[in-house]
PDB file of N, CA and C in Angstrom:
ATOM      1  N   MET A   1       2.030  -5.760 -33.931  1.00  0.00           N
ATOM      2  CA  MET A   1       2.578  -4.754 -34.818  1.00  0.00           C
ATOM      3  C   MET A   1       1.716  -4.609 -36.075  1.00  0.00           C
ATOM      4  N   ALA A   2       1.370  -5.744 -36.664  1.00  0.00           N
ATOM      5  CA  ALA A   2       0.563  -5.709 -37.888  1.00  0.00           C
ATOM      6  C   ALA A   2      -0.853  -5.236 -37.585  1.00  0.00           C
ATOM      7  N   ASN A   3      -1.338  -5.552 -36.382  1.00  0.00           N
ATOM      8  CA  ASN A   3      -2.691  -5.148 -36.002  1.00  0.00           C
ATOM      9  C   ASN A   3      -2.794  -3.631 -35.855  1.00  0.00           C
ATOM     10  N   THR A   4      -1.769  -2.996 -35.272  1.00  0.00           N
ATOM     11  CA  THR A   4      -1.788  -1.542 -35.131  1.00  0.00           C
ATOM     12  C   THR A   4      -1.662  -0.857 -36.489  1.00  0.00           C
ATOM     13  N   ARG A   5      -0.876  -1.439 -37.380  1.00  0.00           N
ATOM     14  CA  ARG A   5      -0.745  -0.877 -38.729  1.00  0.00           C
ATOM     15  C   ARG A   5      -2.075  -0.972 -39.480  1.00  0.00           C
ATOM     16  N   LEU A   6      -2.752  -2.098 -39.331  1.00  0.00           N
ATOM     17  CA  LEU A   6      -4.051  -2.277 -39.969  1.00  0.00           C
ATOM     18  C   LEU A   6      -5.053  -1.272 -39.410  1.00  0.00           C
ATOM     19  N   ARG A   7      -5.016  -1.069 -38.113  1.00  0.00           N
ATOM     20  CA  ARG A   7      -5.926  -0.112 -37.474  1.00  0.00           C
ATOM     21  C   ARG A   7      -5.650   1.311 -37.960  1.00  0.00           C
ATOM     22  N   LYS A   8      -4.368   1.681 -38.087  1.00  0.00           N
ATOM     23  CA  LYS A   8      -4.016   3.005 -38.591  1.00  0.00           C
ATOM     24  C   LYS A   8      -4.486   3.181 -40.022  1.00  0.00           C
ATOM     25  N   ASN A   9      -4.355   2.144 -40.837  1.00  0.00           N
ATOM     26  CA  ASN A   9      -4.831   2.208 -42.219  1.00  0.00           C
ATOM     27  C   ASN A   9      -6.345   2.363 -42.272  1.00  0.00           C
ATOM     28  N   GLN A  10      -7.054   1.688 -41.385  1.00  0.00           N
ATOM     29  CA  GLN A  10      -8.504   1.807 -41.345  1.00  0.00           C
ATOM     30  C   GLN A  10      -8.929   3.217 -40.930  1.00  0.00           C
ATOM     31  N   ILE A  11      -8.241   3.780 -39.951  1.00  0.00           N
ATOM     32  CA  ILE A  11      -8.553   5.138 -39.507  1.00  0.00           C
ATOM     33  C   ILE A  11      -8.277   6.131 -40.632  1.00  0.00           C
ATOM     34  N   PHE A  12      -7.144   5.976 -41.312  1.00  0.00           N
ATOM     35  CA  PHE A  12      -6.811   6.858 -42.421  1.00  0.00           C
ATOM     36  C   PHE A  12      -7.837   6.751 -43.543  1.00  0.00           C
ATOM     37  N   ALA A  13      -8.254   5.544 -43.854  1.00  0.00           N
ATOM     38  CA  ALA A  13      -9.260   5.345 -44.899  1.00  0.00           C
ATOM     39  C   ALA A  13     -10.591   5.974 -44.506  1.00  0.00           C
ATOM     40  N   GLY A  14     -10.962   5.855 -43.239  1.00  0.00           N
ATOM     41  CA  GLY A  14     -12.203   6.466 -42.764  1.00  0.00           C
ATOM     42  C   GLY A  14     -12.166   7.982 -42.836  1.00  0.00           C
ATOM     43  N   ILE A  15     -11.054   8.573 -42.428  1.00  0.00           N
ATOM     44  CA  ILE A  15     -10.917  10.029 -42.497  1.00  0.00           C
ATOM     45  C   ILE A  15     -10.935  10.501 -43.944  1.00  0.00           C
ATOM     46  N   PHE A  16     -10.215   9.789 -44.813  1.00  0.00           N
ATOM     47  CA  PHE A  16     -10.185  10.152 -46.226  1.00  0.00           C
ATOM     48  C   PHE A  16     -11.567  10.032 -46.854  1.00  0.00           C
ATOM     49  N   SER A  17     -12.297   8.983 -46.504  1.00  0.00           N
ATOM     50  CA  SER A  17     -13.657   8.812 -47.031  1.00  0.00           C
ATOM     51  C   SER A  17     -14.583   9.915 -46.550  1.00  0.00           C
ATOM     52  N   ALA A  18     -14.459  10.294 -45.288  1.00  0.00           N
ATOM     53  CA  ALA A  18     -15.299  11.365 -44.744  1.00  0.00           C
ATOM     54  C   ALA A  18     -14.995  12.697 -45.432  1.00  0.00           C
ATOM     55  N   LEU A  19     -13.725  12.998 -45.665  1.00  0.00           N
ATOM     56  CA  LEU A  19     -13.367  14.227 -46.357  1.00  0.00           C
ATOM     57  C   LEU A  19     -13.851  14.211 -47.802  1.00  0.00           C
ATOM     58  N   PHE A  20     -13.754  13.062 -48.434  1.00  0.00           N
ATOM     59  CA  PHE A  20     -14.220  12.905 -49.809  1.00  0.00           C
ATOM     60  C   PHE A  20     -15.726  13.135 -49.885  1.00  0.00           C
ATOM     61  N   LEU A  21     -16.463  12.554 -48.959  1.00  0.00           N
ATOM     62  CA  LEU A  21     -17.913  12.727 -48.914  1.00  0.00           C
ATOM     63  C   LEU A  21     -18.273  14.177 -48.609  1.00  0.00           C
ATOM     64  N   LEU A  22     -17.517  14.829 -47.739  1.00  0.00           N
ATOM     65  CA  LEU A  22     -17.748  16.236 -47.428  1.00  0.00           C
ATOM     66  C   LEU A  22     -17.545  17.098 -48.667  1.00  0.00           C
ATOM     67  N   MET A  23     -16.535  16.785 -49.476  1.00  0.00           N
ATOM     68  CA  MET A  23     -16.297  17.521 -50.708  1.00  0.00           C
ATOM     69  C   MET A  23     -17.464  17.359 -51.670  1.00  0.00           C
ATOM     70  N   VAL A  24     -17.996  16.164 -51.764  1.00  0.00           N
ATOM     71  CA  VAL A  24     -19.124  15.930 -52.666  1.00  0.00           C
ATOM     72  C   VAL A  24     -20.352  16.690 -52.207  1.00  0.00           C
ATOM     73  N   VAL A  25     -20.666  16.605 -50.939  1.00  0.00           N
ATOM     74  CA  VAL A  25     -21.867  17.250 -50.416  1.00  0.00           C
ATOM     75  C   VAL A  25     -21.768  18.765 -50.547  1.00  0.00           C
ATOM     76  N   THR A  26     -20.626  19.339 -50.201  1.00  0.00           N
ATOM     77  CA  THR A  26     -20.488  20.790 -50.317  1.00  0.00           C
ATOM     78  C   THR A  26     -20.513  21.240 -51.771  1.00  0.00           C
ATOM     79  N   SER A  27     -19.949  20.462 -52.675  1.00  0.00           N
ATOM     80  CA  SER A  27     -19.987  20.809 -54.094  1.00  0.00           C
ATOM     81  C   SER A  27     -21.409  20.785 -54.624  1.00  0.00           C
ATOM     82  N   LEU A  28     -22.151  19.747 -54.282  1.00  0.00           N
ATOM     83  CA  LEU A  28     -23.539  19.667 -54.724  1.00  0.00           C
ATOM     84  C   LEU A  28     -24.379  20.787 -54.119  1.00  0.00           C
ATOM     85  N   PHE A  29     -24.126  21.111 -52.866  1.00  0.00           N
ATOM     86  CA  PHE A  29     -24.861  22.195 -52.212  1.00  0.00           C
ATOM     87  C   PHE A  29     -24.553  23.531 -52.877  1.00  0.00           C
ATOM     88  N   TYR A  30     -23.290  23.763 -53.196  1.00  0.00           N
ATOM     89  CA  TYR A  30     -22.903  25.021 -53.840  1.00  0.00           C
ATOM     90  C   TYR A  30     -23.556  25.156 -55.210  1.00  0.00           C
ATOM     91  N   ILE A  31     -23.527  24.086 -55.983  1.00  0.00           N
ATOM     92  CA  ILE A  31     -24.125  24.128 -57.314  1.00  0.00           C
ATOM     93  C   ILE A  31     -25.626  24.344 -57.212  1.00  0.00           C
ATOM     94  N   SER A  32     -26.295  23.601 -56.334  1.00  0.00           N
ATOM     95  CA  SER A  32     -27.753  23.730 -56.241  1.00  0.00           C
ATOM     96  C   SER A  32     -28.186  25.081 -55.689  1.00  0.00           C
ATOM     97  N   SER A  33     -27.404  25.683 -54.809  1.00  0.00           N
ATOM     98  CA  SER A  33     -27.797  26.973 -54.242  1.00  0.00           C
ATOM     99  C   SER A  33     -27.532  28.133 -55.195  1.00  0.00           C
ATOM    100  N   ASN A  34     -26.651  27.950 -56.162  1.00  0.00           N
ATOM    101  CA  ASN A  34     -26.321  29.043 -57.076  1.00  0.00           C
ATOM    102  C   ASN A  34     -26.827  28.830 -58.497  1.00  0.00           C
ATOM    103  N   LEU A  35     -27.752  27.926 -58.697  1.00  0.00           N
ATOM    104  CA  LEU A  35     -28.271  27.704 -60.042  1.00  0.00           C
ATOM    105  C   LEU A  35     -29.066  28.904 -60.547  1.00  0.00           C
ATOM    106  N   GLN A  36     -29.771  29.587 -59.696  1.00  0.00           N
ATOM    107  CA  GLN A  36     -30.618  30.706 -60.101  1.00  0.00           C
ATOM    108  C   GLN A  36     -29.990  32.062 -59.735  1.00  0.00           C
ATOM    109  N   HIS A  37     -28.678  32.173 -59.831  1.00  0.00           N
ATOM    110  CA  HIS A  37     -28.035  33.443 -59.489  1.00  0.00           C
ATOM    111  C   HIS A  37     -28.210  34.433 -60.645  1.00  0.00           C
ATOM    112  N   SER A  38     -28.019  35.708 -60.336  1.00  0.00           N
ATOM    113  CA  SER A  38     -28.124  36.732 -61.382  1.00  0.00           C
ATOM    114  C   SER A  38     -26.763  36.849 -62.057  1.00  0.00           C
ATOM    115  N   CYS A  39     -26.673  36.276 -63.221  1.00  0.00           N
ATOM    116  CA  CYS A  39     -25.419  36.208 -63.958  1.00  0.00           C
ATOM    117  C   CYS A  39     -25.114  37.560 -64.597  1.00  0.00           C
ATOM    118  N   ILE A  40     -23.856  37.978 -64.504  1.00  0.00           N
ATOM    119  CA  ILE A  40     -23.454  39.251 -65.099  1.00  0.00           C
ATOM    120  C   ILE A  40     -22.926  39.076 -66.511  1.00  0.00           C
ATOM    121  N   GLY A  41     -22.965  37.860 -66.998  1.00  0.00           N
ATOM    122  CA  GLY A  41     -22.515  37.603 -68.370  1.00  0.00           C
ATOM    123  C   GLY A  41     -21.159  36.937 -68.397  1.00  0.00           C
ATOM    124  N   GLU A  42     -20.347  37.356 -69.335  1.00  0.00           N
ATOM    125  CA  GLU A  42     -19.027  36.748 -69.501  1.00  0.00           C
ATOM    126  C   GLU A  42     -18.151  37.055 -68.287  1.00  0.00           C
ATOM    127  N   ASP A  43     -17.345  36.099 -67.893  1.00  0.00           N
ATOM    128  CA  ASP A  43     -16.454  36.184 -66.727  1.00  0.00           C
ATOM    129  C   ASP A  43     -17.220  36.349 -65.416  1.00  0.00           C
ATOM    130  N   CYS A  44     -18.372  35.709 -65.311  1.00  0.00           N
ATOM    131  CA  CYS A  44     -19.138  35.721 -64.065  1.00  0.00           C
ATOM    132  C   CYS A  44     -18.409  34.836 -63.054  1.00  0.00           C
ATOM    133  N   PRO A  45     -18.050  35.348 -61.870  1.00  0.00           N
ATOM    134  CA  PRO A  45     -17.300  34.538 -60.907  1.00  0.00           C
ATOM    135  C   PRO A  45     -18.095  33.349 -60.375  1.00  0.00           C
ATOM    136  N   VAL A  46     -19.392  33.512 -60.238  1.00  0.00           N
ATOM    137  CA  VAL A  46     -20.217  32.405 -59.739  1.00  0.00           C
ATOM    138  C   VAL A  46     -20.268  31.284 -60.776  1.00  0.00           C
ATOM    139  N   CYS A  47     -20.441  31.657 -62.037  1.00  0.00           N
ATOM    140  CA  CYS A  47     -20.463  30.641 -63.101  1.00  0.00           C
ATOM    141  C   CYS A  47     -19.127  29.916 -63.200  1.00  0.00           C
ATOM    142  N   GLU A  48     -18.027  30.656 -63.037  1.00  0.00           N
ATOM    143  CA  GLU A  48     -16.704  30.033 -63.084  1.00  0.00           C
ATOM    144  C   GLU A  48     -16.516  29.052 -61.933  1.00  0.00           C
ATOM    145  N   GLU A  49     -16.954  29.440 -60.732  1.00  0.00           N
ATOM    146  CA  GLU A  49     -16.850  28.539 -59.579  1.00  0.00           C
ATOM    147  C   GLU A  49     -17.703  27.292 -59.766  1.00  0.00           C
ATOM    148  N   MET A  50     -18.914  27.474 -60.306  1.00  0.00           N
ATOM    149  CA  MET A  50     -19.769  26.320 -60.555  1.00  0.00           C
ATOM    150  C   MET A  50     -19.138  25.398 -61.593  1.00  0.00           C
ATOM    151  N   HIS A  51     -18.514  25.968 -62.595  1.00  0.00           N
ATOM    152  CA  HIS A  51     -17.854  25.174 -63.624  1.00  0.00           C
ATOM    153  C   HIS A  51     -16.677  24.389 -63.037  1.00  0.00           C
ATOM    154  N   ILE A  52     -15.880  25.042 -62.196  1.00  0.00           N
ATOM    155  CA  ILE A  52     -14.745  24.365 -61.553  1.00  0.00           C
ATOM    156  C   ILE A  52     -15.232  23.256 -60.631  1.00  0.00           C
ATOM    157  N   THR A  53     -16.294  23.539 -59.880  1.00  0.00           N
ATOM    158  CA  THR A  53     -16.857  22.528 -58.983  1.00  0.00           C
ATOM    159  C   THR A  53     -17.357  21.326 -59.765  1.00  0.00           C
ATOM    160  N   TRP A  54     -18.065  21.582 -60.840  1.00  0.00           N
ATOM    161  CA  TRP A  54     -18.585  20.482 -61.654  1.00  0.00           C
ATOM    162  C   TRP A  54     -17.448  19.690 -62.297  1.00  0.00           C
ATOM    163  N   GLN A  55     -16.396  20.365 -62.762  1.00  0.00           N
ATOM    164  CA  GLN A  55     -15.247  19.673 -63.343  1.00  0.00           C
ATOM    165  C   GLN A  55     -14.558  18.798 -62.303  1.00  0.00           C
ATOM    166  N   THR A  56     -14.447  19.291 -61.082  1.00  0.00           N
ATOM    167  CA  THR A  56     -13.823  18.509 -60.018  1.00  0.00           C
ATOM    168  C   THR A  56     -14.612  17.232 -59.761  1.00  0.00           C
ATOM    169  N   MET A  57     -15.922  17.370 -59.694  1.00  0.00           N
ATOM    170  CA  MET A  57     -16.746  16.194 -59.417  1.00  0.00           C
ATOM    171  C   MET A  57     -16.722  15.201 -60.573  1.00  0.00           C
ATOM    172  N   THR A  58     -16.749  15.676 -61.798  1.00  0.00           N
ATOM    173  CA  THR A  58     -16.776  14.757 -62.932  1.00  0.00           C
ATOM    174  C   THR A  58     -15.403  14.193 -63.252  1.00  0.00           C
ATOM    175  N   SER A  59     -14.346  14.921 -62.889  1.00  0.00           N
ATOM    176  CA  SER A  59     -13.006  14.421 -63.202  1.00  0.00           C
ATOM    177  C   SER A  59     -12.644  13.214 -62.336  1.00  0.00           C
ATOM    178  N   VAL A  60     -13.158  13.145 -61.133  1.00  0.00           N
ATOM    179  CA  VAL A  60     -12.864  11.996 -60.277  1.00  0.00           C
ATOM    180  C   VAL A  60     -13.957  10.952 -60.347  1.00  0.00           C
ATOM    181  N   ARG A  61     -14.924  11.186 -61.213  1.00  0.00           N
ATOM    182  CA  ARG A  61     -16.040  10.238 -61.389  1.00  0.00           C
ATOM    183  C   ARG A  61     -16.682   9.942 -60.045  1.00  0.00           C
ATOM    184  N   ILE A  62     -17.193  10.975 -59.446  1.00  0.00           N
ATOM    185  CA  ILE A  62     -17.652  10.914 -58.072  1.00  0.00           C
ATOM    186  C   ILE A  62     -19.034  10.301 -57.896  1.00  0.00           C
ATOM    187  N   MET A  63     -19.888  10.453 -58.865  1.00  0.00           N
ATOM    188  CA  MET A  63     -21.270  10.025 -58.674  1.00  0.00           C
ATOM    189  C   MET A  63     -21.405   8.521 -58.387  1.00  0.00           C
ATOM    190  N   PRO A  64     -20.729   7.640 -59.133  1.00  0.00           N
ATOM    191  CA  PRO A  64     -20.861   6.218 -58.774  1.00  0.00           C
ATOM    192  C   PRO A  64     -20.339   5.910 -57.378  1.00  0.00           C
ATOM    193  N   VAL A  65     -19.282   6.587 -56.975  1.00  0.00           N
ATOM    194  CA  VAL A  65     -18.737   6.369 -55.632  1.00  0.00           C
ATOM    195  C   VAL A  65     -19.727   6.855 -54.584  1.00  0.00           C
ATOM    196  N   PHE A  66     -20.313   8.008 -54.822  1.00  0.00           N
ATOM    197  CA  PHE A  66     -21.283   8.569 -53.883  1.00  0.00           C
ATOM    198  C   PHE A  66     -22.504   7.670 -53.759  1.00  0.00           C
ATOM    199  N   VAL A  67     -23.007   7.195 -54.882  1.00  0.00           N
ATOM    200  CA  VAL A  67     -24.177   6.309 -54.867  1.00  0.00           C
ATOM    201  C   VAL A  67     -23.841   5.001 -54.155  1.00  0.00           C
ATOM    202  N   ALA A  68     -22.668   4.446 -54.426  1.00  0.00           N
ATOM    203  CA  ALA A  68     -22.260   3.204 -53.759  1.00  0.00           C
ATOM    204  C   ALA A  68     -22.128   3.409 -52.255  1.00  0.00           C
ATOM    205  N   PHE A  69     -21.606   4.568 -51.847  1.00  0.00           N
ATOM    206  CA  PHE A  69     -21.466   4.854 -50.425  1.00  0.00           C
ATOM    207  C   PHE A  69     -22.834   4.962 -49.754  1.00  0.00           C
ATOM    208  N   VAL A  70     -23.766   5.631 -50.400  1.00  0.00           N
ATOM    209  CA  VAL A  70     -25.107   5.781 -49.837  1.00  0.00           C
ATOM    210  C   VAL A  70     -25.792   4.420 -49.722  1.00  0.00           C
ATOM    211  N   ILE A  71     -25.665   3.598 -50.752  1.00  0.00           N
ATOM    212  CA  ILE A  71     -26.264   2.257 -50.709  1.00  0.00           C
ATOM    213  C   ILE A  71     -25.632   1.431 -49.600  1.00  0.00           C
ATOM    214  N   GLN A  72     -24.323   1.526 -49.448  1.00  0.00           N
ATOM    215  CA  GLN A  72     -23.634   0.788 -48.389  1.00  0.00           C
ATOM    216  C   GLN A  72     -24.111   1.246 -47.010  1.00  0.00           C
ATOM    217  N   MET A  73     -24.286   2.538 -46.809  1.00  0.00           N
ATOM    218  CA  MET A  73     -24.762   3.043 -45.527  1.00  0.00           C
ATOM    219  C   MET A  73     -26.199   2.609 -45.254  1.00  0.00           C
ATOM    220  N   LEU A  74     -27.031   2.563 -46.299  1.00  0.00           N
ATOM    221  CA  LEU A  74     -28.402   2.091 -46.112  1.00  0.00           C
ATOM    222  C   LEU A  74     -28.434   0.625 -45.706  1.00  0.00           C
ATOM    223  N   PHE A  75     -27.614  -0.200 -46.354  1.00  0.00           N
ATOM    224  CA  PHE A  75     -27.549  -1.609 -45.975  1.00  0.00           C
ATOM    225  C   PHE A  75     -27.005  -1.775 -44.558  1.00  0.00           C
ATOM    226  N   ALA A  76     -26.019  -0.978 -44.186  1.00  0.00           N
ATOM    227  CA  ALA A  76     -25.471  -1.057 -42.828  1.00  0.00           C
ATOM    228  C   ALA A  76     -26.522  -0.669 -41.794  1.00  0.00           C
ATOM    229  N   ALA A  77     -27.296   0.373 -42.088  1.00  0.00           N
ATOM    230  CA  ALA A  77     -28.352   0.791 -41.168  1.00  0.00           C
ATOM    231  C   ALA A  77     -29.430  -0.283 -41.069  1.00  0.00           C
ATOM    232  N   LEU A  78     -29.818  -0.836 -42.198  1.00  0.00           N
ATOM    233  CA  LEU A  78     -30.824  -1.901 -42.198  1.00  0.00           C
ATOM    234  C   LEU A  78     -30.335  -3.119 -41.424  1.00  0.00           C
ATOM    235  N   PHE A  79     -29.086  -3.498 -41.647  1.00  0.00           N
ATOM    236  CA  PHE A  79     -28.516  -4.651 -40.943  1.00  0.00           C
ATOM    237  C   PHE A  79     -28.458  -4.402 -39.440  1.00  0.00           C
ATOM    238  N   SER A  80     -28.077  -3.182 -39.033  1.00  0.00           N
ATOM    239  CA  SER A  80     -28.001  -2.907 -37.596  1.00  0.00           C
ATOM    240  C   SER A  80     -29.389  -2.887 -36.959  1.00  0.00           C
ATOM    241  N   ILE A  81     -30.392  -2.398 -37.691  1.00  0.00           N
ATOM    242  CA  ILE A  81     -31.757  -2.411 -37.164  1.00  0.00           C
ATOM    243  C   ILE A  81     -32.247  -3.837 -36.996  1.00  0.00           C
ATOM    244  N   ILE A  82     -32.002  -4.673 -37.991  1.00  0.00           N
ATOM    245  CA  ILE A  82     -32.419  -6.081 -37.906  1.00  0.00           C
ATOM    246  C   ILE A  82     -31.693  -6.788 -36.776  1.00  0.00           C
ATOM    247  N   LEU A  83     -30.397  -6.553 -36.661  1.00  0.00           N
ATOM    248  CA  LEU A  83     -29.618  -7.180 -35.604  1.00  0.00           C
ATOM    249  C   LEU A  83     -30.091  -6.730 -34.234  1.00  0.00           C
ATOM    250  N   PHE A  84     -30.391  -5.460 -34.075  1.00  0.00           N
ATOM    251  CA  PHE A  84     -30.873  -4.948 -32.803  1.00  0.00           C
ATOM    252  C   PHE A  84     -32.230  -5.549 -32.451  1.00  0.00           C
ATOM    253  N   SER A  85     -33.112  -5.680 -33.446  1.00  0.00           N
ATOM    254  CA  SER A  85     -34.431  -6.248 -33.168  1.00  0.00           C
ATOM    255  C   SER A  85     -34.334  -7.730 -32.810  1.00  0.00           C
ATOM    256  N   LEU A  86     -33.386  -8.438 -33.421  1.00  0.00           N
ATOM    257  CA  LEU A  86     -33.205  -9.839 -33.070  1.00  0.00           C
ATOM    258  C   LEU A  86     -32.677  -9.987 -31.648  1.00  0.00           C
ATOM    259  N   GLU A  87     -31.806  -9.081 -31.226  1.00  0.00           N
ATOM    260  CA  GLU A  87     -31.304  -9.129 -29.852  1.00  0.00           C
ATOM    261  C   GLU A  87     -32.418  -8.831 -28.858  1.00  0.00           C
ATOM    262  N   GLU A  88     -33.290  -7.913 -29.203  1.00  0.00           N
ATOM    263  CA  GLU A  88     -34.391  -7.576 -28.310  1.00  0.00           C
ATOM    264  C   GLU A  88     -35.376  -8.737 -28.198  1.00  0.00           C
ATOM    265  N   CYS A  89     -35.600  -9.466 -29.286  1.00  0.00           N
ATOM    266  CA  CYS A  89     -36.522 -10.607 -29.245  1.00  0.00           C
ATOM    267  C   CYS A  89     -35.947 -11.744 -28.413  1.00  0.00           C
ATOM    268  N   ALA A  90     -34.635 -11.859 -28.358  1.00  0.00           N
ATOM    269  CA  ALA A  90     -34.009 -12.967 -27.657  1.00  0.00           C
ATOM    270  C   ALA A  90     -33.944 -12.737 -26.150  1.00  0.00           C
ATOM    271  N   ARG A  91     -34.285 -11.563 -25.666  1.00  0.00           N
ATOM    272  CA  ARG A  91     -34.203 -11.288 -24.244  1.00  0.00           C
ATOM    273  C   ARG A  91     -35.498 -11.714 -23.557  1.00  0.00           C
ATOM    274  N   THR A  92     -35.459 -12.875 -22.976  1.00  0.00           N
ATOM    275  CA  THR A  92     -36.580 -13.373 -22.187  1.00  0.00           C
ATOM    276  C   THR A  92     -36.072 -13.624 -20.777  1.00  0.00           C
ATOM    277  N   LEU A  93     -36.979 -13.969 -19.899  1.00  0.00           N
ATOM    278  CA  LEU A  93     -36.567 -14.245 -18.522  1.00  0.00           C
ATOM    279  C   LEU A  93     -35.633 -15.444 -18.458  1.00  0.00           C
ATOM    280  N   VAL A  94     -35.890 -16.432 -19.313  1.00  0.00           N
ATOM    281  CA  VAL A  94     -35.039 -17.622 -19.308  1.00  0.00           C
ATOM    282  C   VAL A  94     -33.661 -17.274 -19.873  1.00  0.00           C
ATOM    283  N   SER A  95     -33.629 -16.487 -20.958  1.00  0.00           N
ATOM    284  CA  SER A  95     -32.331 -16.159 -21.548  1.00  0.00           C
ATOM    285  C   SER A  95     -31.527 -15.249 -20.633  1.00  0.00           C
ATOM    286  N   LEU A  96     -32.181 -14.442 -19.836  1.00  0.00           N
ATOM    287  CA  LEU A  96     -31.485 -13.592 -18.897  1.00  0.00           C
ATOM    288  C   LEU A  96     -31.219 -14.314 -17.576  1.00  0.00           C
ATOM    289  N   LYS A  97     -31.731 -15.517 -17.434  1.00  0.00           N
ATOM    290  CA  LYS A  97     -31.535 -16.350 -16.272  1.00  0.00           C
ATOM    291  C   LYS A  97     -31.974 -15.649 -14.996  1.00  0.00           C
ATOM    292  N   VAL A  98     -33.195 -15.154 -15.063  1.00  0.00           N
ATOM    293  CA  VAL A  98     -33.770 -14.487 -13.905  1.00  0.00           C
ATOM    294  C   VAL A  98     -34.553 -15.532 -13.113  1.00  0.00           C
ATOM    295  N   GLU A  99     -34.320 -15.544 -11.821  1.00  0.00           N
ATOM    296  CA  GLU A  99     -35.032 -16.479 -10.963  1.00  0.00           C
ATOM    297  C   GLU A  99     -36.174 -15.730 -10.285  1.00  0.00           C
ATOM    298  N   LEU A 100     -37.370 -16.185 -10.537  1.00  0.00           N
ATOM    299  CA  LEU A 100     -38.552 -15.561  -9.953  1.00  0.00           C
ATOM    300  C   LEU A 100     -38.909 -16.266  -8.659  1.00  0.00           C
ATOM    301  N   LEU A 101     -38.764 -15.581  -7.555  1.00  0.00           N
ATOM    302  CA  LEU A 101     -39.078 -16.133  -6.245  1.00  0.00           C
ATOM    303  C   LEU A 101     -40.259 -15.366  -5.663  1.00  0.00           C
ATOM    304  N   ASN A 102     -41.333 -16.104  -5.416  1.00  0.00           N
ATOM    305  CA  ASN A 102     -42.506 -15.474  -4.791  1.00  0.00           C
ATOM    306  C   ASN A 102     -42.816 -16.166  -3.503  1.00  0.00           C
TER     307      ASN A 102
END
C-alpha cells in the first residue's frame, strides 16, 4: 500500500517537474523571439506579454531551480555514461561464461 502511494507521488512529482520545465523553456523562448519586435509604443501587446512572462518567471524564482535541474541532468547523464562504460568493460568471455570448444 505504501509502495503504490510512493510510486504515485513520484509520478506526480515527475509530471509537475516536466510541466514546470516546459513553462520555463516556453517563457524563455517567447522572450528571446520577441526581443526585437516592432513596438507600437504605449500599450504594446507584445511588450505586455513579455512583461507578464518575465514577472511569472521571477516571481517563482525560477532561474536557480532551472540551473539546478540542468546540473542534475548533466550529472545523471555523466553517471549513466560511466556506468554503461564500466558494464561494457566487464564483459569478457570469462565473465559471460562462454565455453570455447575447438
